[in-house]
Amino acid sequence: MAPGSSGTLFVITVGFVSFLLGSSFAFHTNSPAAQQRRCFAYKTFRGAQSKNNIEMEDINARLTKLGLVLPPAGAPKANYQLLHRDGDLLYLSGHLPMKADGTLVLGALAPEDIANTSDNYLTTEQGYEAAQHCALNLLSTLDSYMKSQGSDLSKVCKIIKLFGIVRSHSDFTEQHLVMNGASDLIGEVLGKDVGGSHARSAIGTNTLPLGIAVEVEMIAKIN
């Protein structure tokens, strides 16, 4: 055997074995059984994905059942955007507790014995309702943006996080219960899987813009 021929033989042998292995792999991965497994896996993945999707008709039906109507989308009160998109994430600025008639829920949250002494204070129940108004306005902004993209709220696949700021008396410690108003409403409208299992923070402060009682931000993910 000529010098160097063993190296050539080794390369040829390895190449031939690789060819056989490659052919065998291709044969098995393209076999009917393999194709069926891939098809099942794809359907399973799509099925799991669709569980987090709801139809707009369902959302409208829930709003009607709850006696709720999305208000017209509002406008920023200063130099900022109501919504900023980054990829499939939507960041919604703090929304105010604006009622359907355009008035704002004003005042500070206070323990009930203090809240009953002045119209400038609100009880936890009243704060809960204020947070609901914030949530409705957030959904309105979200709905308006989705429609501008030729879509609707059914393409929202997850509410990632809510952040609530509650104007509070120094003795008030139920900010988390106030924020339940926003969390509960969004969960009821969008469903538990999409809207009801988000992360959340709730803090108290001594003052908020315009004298409002509650302000809520949102991060949402869309398809």
N, C-alpha and C. Protein backbone atom coordinates (compact mmCIF):
# COMPACT_ATOMS: atom_id res chain seq x y z
N MET A 1 0.86 -1.19 0.00
CA MET A 1 0.00 0.00 0.00
C MET A 1 0.89 1.23 0.00
N ALA A 2 0.56 2.19 -0.86
CA ALA A 2 1.38 3.40 -1.01
C ALA A 2 1.27 4.25 0.22
N PRO A 3 2.34 5.03 0.52
CA PRO A 3 2.29 5.93 1.67
C PRO A 3 1.09 6.89 1.56
N GLY A 4 0.41 7.05 2.68
CA GLY A 4 -0.74 7.97 2.70
C GLY A 4 -2.04 7.32 2.30
N SER A 5 -1.96 6.07 1.74
CA SER A 5 -3.20 5.43 1.26
C SER A 5 -4.12 5.04 2.41
N SER A 6 -3.53 4.74 3.60
CA SER A 6 -4.37 4.37 4.74
C SER A 6 -5.24 5.54 5.17
N GLY A 7 -4.66 6.76 5.10
CA GLY A 7 -5.45 7.95 5.44
C GLY A 7 -6.59 8.14 4.47
N THR A 8 -6.31 7.90 3.19
CA THR A 8 -7.36 8.04 2.17
C THR A 8 -8.47 7.03 2.40
N LEU A 9 -8.04 5.78 2.73
CA LEU A 9 -9.03 4.73 2.98
C LEU A 9 -9.89 5.08 4.18
N PHE A 10 -9.27 5.66 5.21
CA PHE A 10 -10.01 6.04 6.42
C PHE A 10 -11.07 7.10 6.11
N VAL A 11 -10.68 8.10 5.30
CA VAL A 11 -11.62 9.15 4.93
C VAL A 11 -12.76 8.59 4.13
N ILE A 12 -12.44 7.69 3.19
CA ILE A 12 -13.50 7.09 2.35
C ILE A 12 -14.45 6.28 3.21
N THR A 13 -13.87 5.51 4.16
CA THR A 13 -14.70 4.66 5.03
C THR A 13 -15.62 5.50 5.89
N VAL A 14 -15.05 6.56 6.53
CA VAL A 14 -15.87 7.44 7.37
C VAL A 14 -16.96 8.11 6.56
N GLY A 15 -16.60 8.55 5.36
CA GLY A 15 -17.60 9.19 4.51
C GLY A 15 -18.73 8.26 4.14
N PHE A 16 -18.37 6.99 3.85
CA PHE A 16 -19.38 6.02 3.47
C PHE A 16 -20.31 5.72 4.63
N VAL A 17 -19.72 5.55 5.83
CA VAL A 17 -20.54 5.29 7.02
C VAL A 17 -21.46 6.48 7.29
N SER A 18 -20.92 7.71 7.16
CA SER A 18 -21.74 8.90 7.37
C SER A 18 -22.89 8.95 6.39
N PHE A 19 -22.61 8.55 5.13
CA PHE A 19 -23.66 8.53 4.12
C PHE A 19 -24.77 7.58 4.52
N LEU A 20 -24.33 6.34 4.99
CA LEU A 20 -25.34 5.36 5.39
C LEU A 20 -26.16 5.86 6.57
N LEU A 21 -25.48 6.45 7.56
CA LEU A 21 -26.20 6.97 8.72
C LEU A 21 -27.15 8.09 8.33
N GLY A 22 -26.68 8.97 7.48
CA GLY A 22 -27.51 10.08 7.03
C GLY A 22 -28.72 9.60 6.28
N SER A 23 -28.51 8.59 5.41
CA SER A 23 -29.63 8.04 4.65
C SER A 23 -30.62 7.38 5.57
N SER A 24 -30.09 6.65 6.57
CA SER A 24 -30.97 5.98 7.52
C SER A 24 -31.77 6.99 8.31
N PHE A 25 -31.10 8.06 8.74
CA PHE A 25 -31.79 9.11 9.52
C PHE A 25 -32.88 9.77 8.70
N ALA A 26 -32.54 10.08 7.44
CA ALA A 26 -33.53 10.71 6.56
C ALA A 26 -34.70 9.78 6.33
N PHE A 27 -34.40 8.48 6.18
CA PHE A 27 -35.46 7.51 5.92
C PHE A 27 -36.42 7.44 7.10
N HIS A 28 -35.82 7.36 8.30
CA HIS A 28 -36.67 7.21 9.49
C HIS A 28 -37.45 8.48 9.79
N THR A 29 -36.82 9.67 9.61
CA THR A 29 -37.53 10.90 9.94
C THR A 29 -38.61 11.21 8.94
N ASN A 30 -38.53 10.66 7.72
CA ASN A 30 -39.55 10.89 6.71
C ASN A 30 -40.52 9.73 6.59
N SER A 31 -40.38 8.77 7.49
CA SER A 31 -41.30 7.64 7.45
C SER A 31 -42.70 8.09 7.84
N PRO A 32 -43.73 7.36 7.44
CA PRO A 32 -45.11 7.75 7.80
C PRO A 32 -45.30 7.89 9.31
N ALA A 33 -44.65 7.00 10.09
CA ALA A 33 -44.80 7.08 11.55
C ALA A 33 -44.21 8.37 12.09
N ALA A 34 -43.03 8.77 11.56
CA ALA A 34 -42.39 10.00 12.02
C ALA A 34 -43.22 11.21 11.63
N GLN A 35 -43.76 11.19 10.41
CA GLN A 35 -44.59 12.31 9.96
C GLN A 35 -45.84 12.42 10.82
N GLN A 36 -46.40 11.26 11.19
CA GLN A 36 -47.60 11.28 12.02
C GLN A 36 -47.29 11.86 13.40
N ARG A 37 -46.10 11.50 13.96
CA ARG A 37 -45.71 12.03 15.26
C ARG A 37 -45.53 13.53 15.20
N ARG A 38 -44.90 14.03 14.10
CA ARG A 38 -44.70 15.47 13.98
C ARG A 38 -46.02 16.20 13.84
N CYS A 39 -46.94 15.60 13.10
CA CYS A 39 -48.26 16.21 12.91
C CYS A 39 -49.01 16.28 14.24
N PHE A 40 -48.91 15.21 15.04
CA PHE A 40 -49.57 15.19 16.35
C PHE A 40 -48.98 16.24 17.27
N ALA A 41 -47.63 16.33 17.24
CA ALA A 41 -46.96 17.31 18.10
C ALA A 41 -47.36 18.73 17.71
N TYR A 42 -47.48 18.99 16.40
CA TYR A 42 -47.87 20.33 15.93
C TYR A 42 -49.29 20.66 16.36
N LYS A 43 -50.19 19.66 16.20
CA LYS A 43 -51.58 19.90 16.61
C LYS A 43 -51.68 20.12 18.11
N THR A 44 -50.88 19.38 18.87
CA THR A 44 -50.89 19.55 20.32
C THR A 44 -50.43 20.95 20.69
N PHE A 45 -49.35 21.42 20.02
CA PHE A 45 -48.83 22.75 20.27
C PHE A 45 -49.85 23.81 19.92
N ARG A 46 -50.50 23.66 18.75
CA ARG A 46 -51.51 24.63 18.34
C ARG A 46 -52.70 24.61 19.28
N GLY A 47 -53.06 23.41 19.75
CA GLY A 47 -54.18 23.30 20.66
C GLY A 47 -53.91 24.00 21.98
N ALA A 48 -52.67 23.81 22.49
CA ALA A 48 -52.30 24.48 23.74
C ALA A 48 -52.28 25.97 23.55
N GLN A 49 -51.84 26.41 22.36
CA GLN A 49 -51.79 27.85 22.08
C GLN A 49 -53.20 28.43 22.04
N SER A 50 -54.15 27.70 21.42
CA SER A 50 -55.50 28.24 21.23
C SER A 50 -56.28 28.33 22.53
N LYS A 51 -55.84 27.61 23.57
CA LYS A 51 -56.55 27.68 24.84
C LYS A 51 -56.48 29.07 25.44
N ASN A 52 -55.44 29.83 25.08
CA ASN A 52 -55.28 31.17 25.62
C ASN A 52 -55.95 32.23 24.75
N ASN A 53 -56.58 31.79 23.66
CA ASN A 53 -57.24 32.72 22.76
C ASN A 53 -58.75 32.67 22.97
N ILE A 54 -59.40 33.84 22.99
CA ILE A 54 -60.84 33.90 23.09
C ILE A 54 -61.38 34.73 21.93
N GLU A 55 -62.63 34.53 21.61
CA GLU A 55 -63.23 35.26 20.51
C GLU A 55 -63.78 36.59 21.01
N MET A 56 -63.83 37.57 20.10
CA MET A 56 -64.34 38.89 20.45
C MET A 56 -65.80 38.80 20.88
N GLU A 57 -66.54 37.84 20.30
CA GLU A 57 -67.93 37.68 20.70
C GLU A 57 -68.04 37.30 22.18
N ASP A 58 -67.08 36.49 22.65
CA ASP A 58 -67.08 36.11 24.06
C ASP A 58 -66.83 37.32 24.94
N ILE A 59 -65.89 38.17 24.51
CA ILE A 59 -65.57 39.37 25.29
C ILE A 59 -66.77 40.30 25.36
N ASN A 60 -67.42 40.52 24.22
CA ASN A 60 -68.60 41.38 24.19
C ASN A 60 -69.73 40.81 25.05
N ALA A 61 -69.88 39.48 25.02
CA ALA A 61 -70.92 38.84 25.82
C ALA A 61 -70.63 39.01 27.31
N ARG A 62 -69.37 38.92 27.69
CA ARG A 62 -69.01 39.10 29.09
C ARG A 62 -69.25 40.54 29.53
N LEU A 63 -68.90 41.48 28.68
CA LEU A 63 -69.14 42.89 29.01
C LEU A 63 -70.63 43.14 29.22
N THR A 64 -71.43 42.58 28.32
CA THR A 64 -72.89 42.75 28.42
C THR A 64 -73.43 42.12 29.70
N LYS A 65 -72.96 40.92 30.00
CA LYS A 65 -73.41 40.22 31.21
C LYS A 65 -73.05 40.99 32.46
N LEU A 66 -71.90 41.63 32.44
CA LEU A 66 -71.45 42.41 33.60
C LEU A 66 -72.06 43.81 33.64
N GLY A 67 -72.80 44.15 32.58
CA GLY A 67 -73.39 45.49 32.50
C GLY A 67 -72.36 46.57 32.27
N LEU A 68 -71.29 46.23 31.55
CA LEU A 68 -70.20 47.16 31.31
C LEU A 68 -70.12 47.56 29.84
N VAL A 69 -69.67 48.77 29.60
CA VAL A 69 -69.43 49.27 28.25
C VAL A 69 -68.05 49.92 28.23
N LEU A 70 -67.25 49.56 27.24
CA LEU A 70 -65.94 50.19 27.13
C LEU A 70 -66.12 51.67 26.78
N PRO A 71 -65.55 52.56 27.54
CA PRO A 71 -65.67 54.00 27.24
C PRO A 71 -64.83 54.34 26.02
N PRO A 72 -65.05 55.51 25.42
CA PRO A 72 -64.18 55.95 24.31
C PRO A 72 -62.75 56.05 24.81
N ALA A 73 -61.80 55.69 23.94
CA ALA A 73 -60.39 55.77 24.32
C ALA A 73 -60.04 57.21 24.67
N GLY A 74 -59.30 57.40 25.74
CA GLY A 74 -58.94 58.72 26.19
C GLY A 74 -57.70 59.26 25.49
N ALA A 75 -57.19 60.35 26.01
CA ALA A 75 -55.99 60.99 25.46
C ALA A 75 -55.03 61.26 26.60
N PRO A 76 -53.72 61.34 26.31
CA PRO A 76 -52.74 61.63 27.36
C PRO A 76 -53.00 62.98 28.03
N LYS A 77 -52.70 63.07 29.30
CA LYS A 77 -52.88 64.31 30.05
C LYS A 77 -51.61 65.15 30.09
N ALA A 78 -50.53 64.65 29.46
CA ALA A 78 -49.26 65.38 29.44
C ALA A 78 -48.43 64.86 28.26
N ASN A 79 -47.13 65.03 28.32
CA ASN A 79 -46.25 64.68 27.20
C ASN A 79 -45.81 63.22 27.27
N TYR A 80 -46.71 62.32 26.88
CA TYR A 80 -46.40 60.89 26.85
C TYR A 80 -47.41 60.20 25.95
N GLN A 81 -47.17 58.93 25.67
CA GLN A 81 -48.10 58.11 24.89
C GLN A 81 -48.91 57.22 25.82
N LEU A 82 -50.17 56.99 25.48
CA LEU A 82 -50.97 56.08 26.28
C LEU A 82 -50.49 54.65 26.13
N LEU A 83 -49.92 54.33 24.97
CA LEU A 83 -49.49 52.95 24.70
C LEU A 83 -48.23 52.96 23.87
N HIS A 84 -47.30 52.10 24.24
CA HIS A 84 -46.07 51.93 23.46
C HIS A 84 -45.88 50.45 23.18
N ARG A 85 -45.60 50.14 21.91
CA ARG A 85 -45.42 48.74 21.53
C ARG A 85 -43.94 48.41 21.33
N ASP A 86 -43.53 47.26 21.87
CA ASP A 86 -42.18 46.74 21.66
C ASP A 86 -42.31 45.27 21.33
N GLY A 87 -42.26 44.96 20.04
CA GLY A 87 -42.46 43.58 19.61
C GLY A 87 -43.89 43.14 19.87
N ASP A 88 -44.05 42.05 20.63
CA ASP A 88 -45.39 41.57 20.94
C ASP A 88 -45.87 42.02 22.32
N LEU A 89 -45.14 42.97 22.91
CA LEU A 89 -45.52 43.51 24.22
C LEU A 89 -46.07 44.93 24.07
N LEU A 90 -47.16 45.20 24.77
CA LEU A 90 -47.76 46.53 24.79
C LEU A 90 -47.65 47.09 26.21
N TYR A 91 -47.04 48.27 26.30
CA TYR A 91 -46.88 48.94 27.59
C TYR A 91 -47.89 50.09 27.66
N LEU A 92 -48.84 50.00 28.58
CA LEU A 92 -49.87 51.02 28.72
C LEU A 92 -49.55 51.92 29.91
N SER A 93 -49.55 53.22 29.65
CA SER A 93 -49.26 54.19 30.70
C SER A 93 -50.35 54.16 31.77
N GLY A 94 -50.08 54.86 32.87
CA GLY A 94 -51.06 54.92 33.94
C GLY A 94 -52.38 55.49 33.47
N HIS A 95 -53.48 54.76 33.71
CA HIS A 95 -54.81 55.20 33.32
C HIS A 95 -55.60 55.63 34.56
N LEU A 96 -56.45 56.61 34.34
CA LEU A 96 -57.16 57.25 35.43
C LEU A 96 -58.54 56.62 35.66
N PRO A 97 -59.11 56.84 36.84
CA PRO A 97 -60.45 56.31 37.13
C PRO A 97 -61.53 57.23 36.57
N MET A 98 -61.61 57.28 35.24
CA MET A 98 -62.59 58.14 34.58
C MET A 98 -63.88 57.37 34.36
N LYS A 99 -64.99 57.96 34.78
CA LYS A 99 -66.29 57.34 34.62
C LYS A 99 -66.83 57.55 33.21
N ALA A 100 -67.94 56.90 32.91
CA ALA A 100 -68.54 57.01 31.58
C ALA A 100 -68.94 58.44 31.24
N ASP A 101 -69.29 59.24 32.27
CA ASP A 101 -69.70 60.62 32.02
C ASP A 101 -68.51 61.58 31.92
N GLY A 102 -67.30 61.05 32.01
CA GLY A 102 -66.10 61.87 31.87
C GLY A 102 -65.55 62.43 33.17
N THR A 103 -66.27 62.22 34.28
CA THR A 103 -65.77 62.71 35.56
C THR A 103 -64.76 61.72 36.14
N LEU A 104 -63.92 62.22 37.03
CA LEU A 104 -62.89 61.40 37.66
C LEU A 104 -63.26 61.07 39.10
N VAL A 105 -62.83 59.90 39.55
CA VAL A 105 -62.99 59.54 40.95
C VAL A 105 -61.84 60.20 41.72
N LEU A 106 -62.19 61.14 42.58
CA LEU A 106 -61.20 61.92 43.32
C LEU A 106 -61.21 61.54 44.79
N GLY A 107 -60.12 61.81 45.47
CA GLY A 107 -60.06 61.59 46.91
C GLY A 107 -58.97 60.62 47.30
N ALA A 108 -58.77 60.48 48.59
CA ALA A 108 -57.76 59.57 49.13
C ALA A 108 -58.44 58.43 49.86
N LEU A 109 -57.87 57.26 49.77
CA LEU A 109 -58.39 56.10 50.47
C LEU A 109 -58.01 56.20 51.95
N ALA A 110 -58.94 55.83 52.81
CA ALA A 110 -58.70 55.92 54.25
C ALA A 110 -59.44 54.80 54.97
N PRO A 111 -59.00 54.46 56.17
CA PRO A 111 -59.76 53.49 56.97
C PRO A 111 -61.20 53.96 57.11
N GLU A 112 -62.12 53.02 57.22
CA GLU A 112 -63.55 53.36 57.18
C GLU A 112 -63.96 54.40 58.22
N ASP A 113 -63.40 54.30 59.43
CA ASP A 113 -63.80 55.26 60.47
C ASP A 113 -63.36 56.68 60.14
N ILE A 114 -62.29 56.81 59.35
CA ILE A 114 -61.83 58.12 58.93
C ILE A 114 -62.56 58.56 57.65
N ALA A 115 -62.76 57.59 56.73
CA ALA A 115 -63.41 57.91 55.45
C ALA A 115 -64.81 58.46 55.66
N ASN A 116 -65.49 58.00 56.70
CA ASN A 116 -66.86 58.45 56.97
C ASN A 116 -66.95 59.86 57.53
N THR A 117 -65.80 60.45 57.82
CA THR A 117 -65.81 61.79 58.42
C THR A 117 -65.68 62.91 57.40
N SER A 118 -65.35 62.57 56.14
CA SER A 118 -65.12 63.62 55.15
C SER A 118 -65.34 63.10 53.74
N ASP A 119 -65.87 63.97 52.87
CA ASP A 119 -66.08 63.60 51.46
C ASP A 119 -64.76 63.52 50.70
N ASN A 120 -63.68 63.97 51.29
CA ASN A 120 -62.38 63.91 50.65
C ASN A 120 -61.74 62.53 50.75
N TYR A 121 -62.37 61.66 51.53
CA TYR A 121 -61.83 60.31 51.71
C TYR A 121 -62.77 59.28 51.09
N LEU A 122 -62.19 58.15 50.69
CA LEU A 122 -62.94 57.05 50.11
C LEU A 122 -62.71 55.79 50.92
N THR A 123 -63.71 54.91 50.94
CA THR A 123 -63.56 53.61 51.59
C THR A 123 -62.88 52.64 50.62
N THR A 124 -62.52 51.48 51.13
CA THR A 124 -61.91 50.45 50.29
C THR A 124 -62.85 50.05 49.16
N GLU A 125 -64.14 49.94 49.45
CA GLU A 125 -65.12 49.56 48.41
C GLU A 125 -65.17 50.61 47.31
N GLN A 126 -65.13 51.88 47.69
CA GLN A 126 -65.15 52.94 46.68
C GLN A 126 -63.85 52.96 45.88
N GLY A 127 -62.75 52.64 46.54
CA GLY A 127 -61.47 52.53 45.82
C GLY A 127 -61.48 51.37 44.85
N TYR A 128 -62.11 50.27 45.25
CA TYR A 128 -62.26 49.11 44.37
C TYR A 128 -62.98 49.51 43.08
N GLU A 129 -64.06 50.28 43.22
CA GLU A 129 -64.81 50.74 42.05
C GLU A 129 -63.96 51.69 41.20
N ALA A 130 -63.15 52.53 41.85
CA ALA A 130 -62.27 53.43 41.10
C ALA A 130 -61.27 52.63 40.27
N ALA A 131 -60.73 51.56 40.85
CA ALA A 131 -59.79 50.71 40.12
C ALA A 131 -60.48 50.01 38.95
N GLN A 132 -61.75 49.69 39.10
CA GLN A 132 -62.51 49.11 37.99
C GLN A 132 -62.59 50.09 36.82
N HIS A 133 -62.82 51.36 37.13
CA HIS A 133 -62.86 52.37 36.07
C HIS A 133 -61.50 52.47 35.36
N CYS A 134 -60.43 52.38 36.13
CA CYS A 134 -59.09 52.37 35.52
C CYS A 134 -58.95 51.20 34.55
N ALA A 135 -59.42 50.03 34.99
CA ALA A 135 -59.31 48.83 34.16
C ALA A 135 -60.12 48.97 32.87
N LEU A 136 -61.32 49.52 32.97
CA LEU A 136 -62.14 49.72 31.77
C LEU A 136 -61.44 50.66 30.79
N ASN A 137 -60.81 51.69 31.31
CA ASN A 137 -60.10 52.62 30.43
C ASN A 137 -58.86 51.98 29.81
N LEU A 138 -58.19 51.13 30.56
CA LEU A 138 -57.06 50.38 29.99
C LEU A 138 -57.53 49.48 28.85
N LEU A 139 -58.63 48.76 29.08
CA LEU A 139 -59.16 47.89 28.03
C LEU A 139 -59.61 48.69 26.81
N SER A 140 -60.13 49.88 27.04
CA SER A 140 -60.55 50.74 25.94
C SER A 140 -59.36 51.16 25.09
N THR A 141 -58.27 51.57 25.75
CA THR A 141 -57.06 51.94 25.01
C THR A 141 -56.51 50.74 24.25
N LEU A 142 -56.52 49.58 24.90
CA LEU A 142 -56.04 48.35 24.27
C LEU A 142 -56.89 48.00 23.06
N ASP A 143 -58.20 48.11 23.21
CA ASP A 143 -59.13 47.81 22.12
C ASP A 143 -58.94 48.78 20.96
N SER A 144 -58.77 50.06 21.27
CA SER A 144 -58.57 51.07 20.23
C SER A 144 -57.29 50.80 19.44
N TYR A 145 -56.22 50.44 20.15
CA TYR A 145 -54.96 50.15 19.45
C TYR A 145 -55.11 48.92 18.56
N MET A 146 -55.71 47.86 19.08
CA MET A 146 -55.85 46.63 18.30
C MET A 146 -56.69 46.87 17.05
N LYS A 147 -57.73 47.68 17.17
CA LYS A 147 -58.55 48.00 15.99
C LYS A 147 -57.76 48.80 14.97
N SER A 148 -56.85 49.66 15.44
CA SER A 148 -56.01 50.43 14.51
C SER A 148 -55.06 49.53 13.74
N GLN A 149 -54.85 48.31 14.27
CA GLN A 149 -53.98 47.33 13.61
C GLN A 149 -54.80 46.30 12.83
N GLY A 150 -56.09 46.58 12.67
CA GLY A 150 -56.96 45.64 11.95
C GLY A 150 -57.30 44.41 12.76
N SER A 151 -57.28 44.51 14.09
CA SER A 151 -57.53 43.36 14.95
C SER A 151 -58.50 43.75 16.07
N ASP A 152 -58.52 42.97 17.14
CA ASP A 152 -59.40 43.28 18.27
C ASP A 152 -58.83 42.64 19.54
N LEU A 153 -59.57 42.74 20.63
CA LEU A 153 -59.08 42.26 21.92
C LEU A 153 -58.87 40.75 21.97
N SER A 154 -59.45 40.01 21.03
CA SER A 154 -59.27 38.56 21.03
C SER A 154 -57.82 38.17 20.72
N LYS A 155 -57.04 39.09 20.19
CA LYS A 155 -55.64 38.82 19.88
C LYS A 155 -54.71 39.12 21.06
N VAL A 156 -55.29 39.55 22.16
CA VAL A 156 -54.49 39.71 23.38
C VAL A 156 -54.36 38.33 24.00
N CYS A 157 -53.15 37.81 24.09
CA CYS A 157 -52.99 36.44 24.59
C CYS A 157 -52.63 36.39 26.07
N LYS A 158 -52.21 37.54 26.65
CA LYS A 158 -51.88 37.52 28.07
C LYS A 158 -51.74 38.94 28.62
N ILE A 159 -52.36 39.17 29.77
CA ILE A 159 -52.05 40.37 30.54
C ILE A 159 -50.89 39.99 31.45
N ILE A 160 -49.74 40.61 31.22
CA ILE A 160 -48.53 40.22 31.93
C ILE A 160 -48.50 40.79 33.35
N LYS A 161 -48.77 42.10 33.47
CA LYS A 161 -48.66 42.73 34.78
C LYS A 161 -49.52 43.97 34.88
N LEU A 162 -50.04 44.22 36.08
CA LEU A 162 -50.69 45.48 36.43
C LEU A 162 -49.86 46.15 37.53
N PHE A 163 -49.80 47.45 37.46
CA PHE A 163 -49.14 48.23 38.51
C PHE A 163 -50.09 49.32 38.95
N GLY A 164 -50.47 49.29 40.22
CA GLY A 164 -51.46 50.24 40.73
C GLY A 164 -50.90 51.16 41.79
N ILE A 165 -51.28 52.43 41.70
CA ILE A 165 -50.89 53.43 42.68
C ILE A 165 -52.16 53.97 43.31
N VAL A 166 -52.24 53.89 44.63
CA VAL A 166 -53.45 54.27 45.35
C VAL A 166 -53.15 55.47 46.24
N ARG A 167 -53.89 56.56 46.03
CA ARG A 167 -53.74 57.73 46.90
C ARG A 167 -54.29 57.37 48.28
N SER A 168 -53.47 57.51 49.28
CA SER A 168 -53.82 56.92 50.58
C SER A 168 -53.58 57.85 51.77
N HIS A 169 -54.48 57.74 52.73
CA HIS A 169 -54.25 58.31 54.07
C HIS A 169 -53.09 57.54 54.70
N SER A 170 -52.37 58.17 55.58
CA SER A 170 -51.18 57.53 56.18
C SER A 170 -51.53 56.25 56.94
N ASP A 171 -52.79 56.11 57.37
CA ASP A 171 -53.19 54.92 58.12
C ASP A 171 -53.84 53.85 57.25
N PHE A 172 -53.94 54.11 55.94
CA PHE A 172 -54.61 53.15 55.06
C PHE A 172 -53.62 52.09 54.59
N THR A 173 -54.00 50.82 54.70
CA THR A 173 -53.10 49.72 54.36
C THR A 173 -53.76 48.67 53.46
N GLU A 174 -54.84 49.03 52.77
CA GLU A 174 -55.55 48.05 51.95
C GLU A 174 -55.44 48.35 50.46
N GLN A 175 -54.27 48.84 50.05
CA GLN A 175 -54.06 49.14 48.63
C GLN A 175 -54.27 47.90 47.76
N HIS A 176 -53.86 46.75 48.28
CA HIS A 176 -54.00 45.50 47.52
C HIS A 176 -55.46 45.15 47.27
N LEU A 177 -56.32 45.46 48.23
CA LEU A 177 -57.76 45.18 48.05
C LEU A 177 -58.39 46.16 47.06
N VAL A 178 -57.91 47.39 47.06
CA VAL A 178 -58.37 48.36 46.06
C VAL A 178 -58.02 47.87 44.66
N MET A 179 -56.79 47.40 44.48
CA MET A 179 -56.33 46.95 43.16
C MET A 179 -57.05 45.70 42.67
N ASN A 180 -57.68 44.97 43.59
CA ASN A 180 -58.49 43.83 43.16
C ASN A 180 -59.58 44.26 42.19
N GLY A 181 -60.03 45.51 42.31
CA GLY A 181 -61.06 46.00 41.38
C GLY A 181 -60.60 45.91 39.94
N ALA A 182 -59.35 46.29 39.68
CA ALA A 182 -58.81 46.21 38.32
C ALA A 182 -58.55 44.76 37.92
N SER A 183 -57.94 44.01 38.81
CA SER A 183 -57.61 42.61 38.50
C SER A 183 -58.85 41.77 38.24
N ASP A 184 -59.86 41.93 39.10
CA ASP A 184 -61.08 41.14 38.96
C ASP A 184 -61.79 41.46 37.65
N LEU A 185 -61.90 42.74 37.33
CA LEU A 185 -62.62 43.13 36.11
C LEU A 185 -61.93 42.60 34.86
N ILE A 186 -60.62 42.78 34.78
CA ILE A 186 -59.89 42.32 33.60
C ILE A 186 -59.97 40.80 33.47
N GLY A 187 -59.90 40.10 34.60
CA GLY A 187 -60.05 38.65 34.57
C GLY A 187 -61.42 38.22 34.10
N GLU A 188 -62.45 38.93 34.53
CA GLU A 188 -63.82 38.58 34.13
C GLU A 188 -64.07 38.87 32.66
N VAL A 189 -63.49 39.95 32.14
CA VAL A 189 -63.74 40.33 30.75
C VAL A 189 -62.92 39.48 29.78
N LEU A 190 -61.64 39.30 30.07
CA LEU A 190 -60.76 38.57 29.15
C LEU A 190 -60.64 37.08 29.47
N GLY A 191 -61.15 36.68 30.61
CA GLY A 191 -61.04 35.28 31.02
C GLY A 191 -59.84 35.07 31.93
N LYS A 192 -59.92 34.03 32.75
CA LYS A 192 -58.88 33.79 33.74
C LYS A 192 -57.51 33.55 33.11
N ASP A 193 -57.46 32.73 32.05
CA ASP A 193 -56.17 32.38 31.45
C ASP A 193 -55.48 33.58 30.84
N VAL A 194 -56.25 34.48 30.24
CA VAL A 194 -55.66 35.64 29.56
C VAL A 194 -55.49 36.82 30.50
N GLY A 195 -56.53 37.15 31.25
CA GLY A 195 -56.51 38.37 32.04
C GLY A 195 -56.42 38.20 33.53
N GLY A 196 -56.68 37.00 34.03
CA GLY A 196 -56.84 36.84 35.47
C GLY A 196 -55.67 36.31 36.24
N SER A 197 -54.56 36.00 35.58
CA SER A 197 -53.43 35.41 36.30
C SER A 197 -52.16 36.21 36.06
N HIS A 198 -52.29 37.52 36.17
CA HIS A 198 -51.15 38.40 35.90
C HIS A 198 -50.34 38.66 37.17
N ALA A 199 -49.12 39.16 36.96
CA ALA A 199 -48.34 39.67 38.09
C ALA A 199 -48.89 41.05 38.45
N ARG A 200 -48.59 41.52 39.68
CA ARG A 200 -49.18 42.81 40.08
C ARG A 200 -48.40 43.43 41.24
N SER A 201 -48.40 44.75 41.23
CA SER A 201 -47.89 45.51 42.37
C SER A 201 -48.93 46.57 42.74
N ALA A 202 -49.01 46.89 44.02
CA ALA A 202 -49.92 47.93 44.49
C ALA A 202 -49.21 48.72 45.57
N ILE A 203 -49.12 50.01 45.38
CA ILE A 203 -48.45 50.86 46.37
C ILE A 203 -49.35 52.03 46.74
N GLY A 204 -49.05 52.65 47.87
CA GLY A 204 -49.78 53.83 48.30
C GLY A 204 -48.93 55.08 48.18
N THR A 205 -49.58 56.21 47.98
CA THR A 205 -48.89 57.49 47.90
C THR A 205 -49.78 58.57 48.49
N ASN A 206 -49.18 59.68 48.87
CA ASN A 206 -49.99 60.73 49.50
C ASN A 206 -50.71 61.62 48.50
N THR A 207 -50.31 61.57 47.23
CA THR A 207 -50.98 62.39 46.22
C THR A 207 -50.83 61.77 44.84
N LEU A 208 -51.78 62.10 43.96
CA LEU A 208 -51.74 61.65 42.57
C LEU A 208 -52.19 62.80 41.68
N PRO A 209 -51.82 62.78 40.38
CA PRO A 209 -52.21 63.87 39.48
C PRO A 209 -53.71 64.10 39.46
N LEU A 210 -54.08 65.37 39.42
CA LEU A 210 -55.48 65.79 39.31
C LEU A 210 -56.31 65.42 40.54
N GLY A 211 -55.67 64.92 41.57
CA GLY A 211 -56.40 64.54 42.77
C GLY A 211 -57.10 63.20 42.68
N ILE A 212 -56.75 62.39 41.67
CA ILE A 212 -57.43 61.10 41.48
C ILE A 212 -57.10 60.13 42.61
N ALA A 213 -57.97 59.12 42.75
CA ALA A 213 -57.82 58.16 43.84
C ALA A 213 -56.89 57.00 43.48
N VAL A 214 -56.91 56.60 42.21
CA VAL A 214 -56.16 55.41 41.79
C VAL A 214 -55.62 55.64 40.38
N GLU A 215 -54.45 55.06 40.10
CA GLU A 215 -53.90 55.06 38.74
C GLU A 215 -53.33 53.67 38.49
N VAL A 216 -53.59 53.12 37.29
CA VAL A 216 -53.18 51.74 37.00
C VAL A 216 -52.47 51.68 35.65
N GLU A 217 -51.33 50.98 35.63
CA GLU A 217 -50.58 50.70 34.39
C GLU A 217 -50.76 49.22 34.02
N MET A 218 -50.45 48.89 32.76
CA MET A 218 -50.59 47.53 32.29
C MET A 218 -49.50 47.16 31.30
N ILE A 219 -49.09 45.89 31.33
CA ILE A 219 -48.25 45.32 30.28
C ILE A 219 -49.04 44.13 29.72
N ALA A 220 -49.24 44.10 28.40
CA ALA A 220 -50.01 43.04 27.75
C ALA A 220 -49.21 42.43 26.61
N LYS A 221 -49.46 41.17 26.35
CA LYS A 221 -48.81 40.47 25.24
C LYS A 221 -49.85 40.12 24.19
N ILE A 222 -49.52 40.33 22.93
CA ILE A 222 -50.47 40.06 21.85
C ILE A 222 -49.90 39.00 20.91
N ASN A 223 -50.78 38.36 20.17
CA ASN A 223 -50.36 37.37 19.17
C ASN A 223 -49.72 38.07 17.99
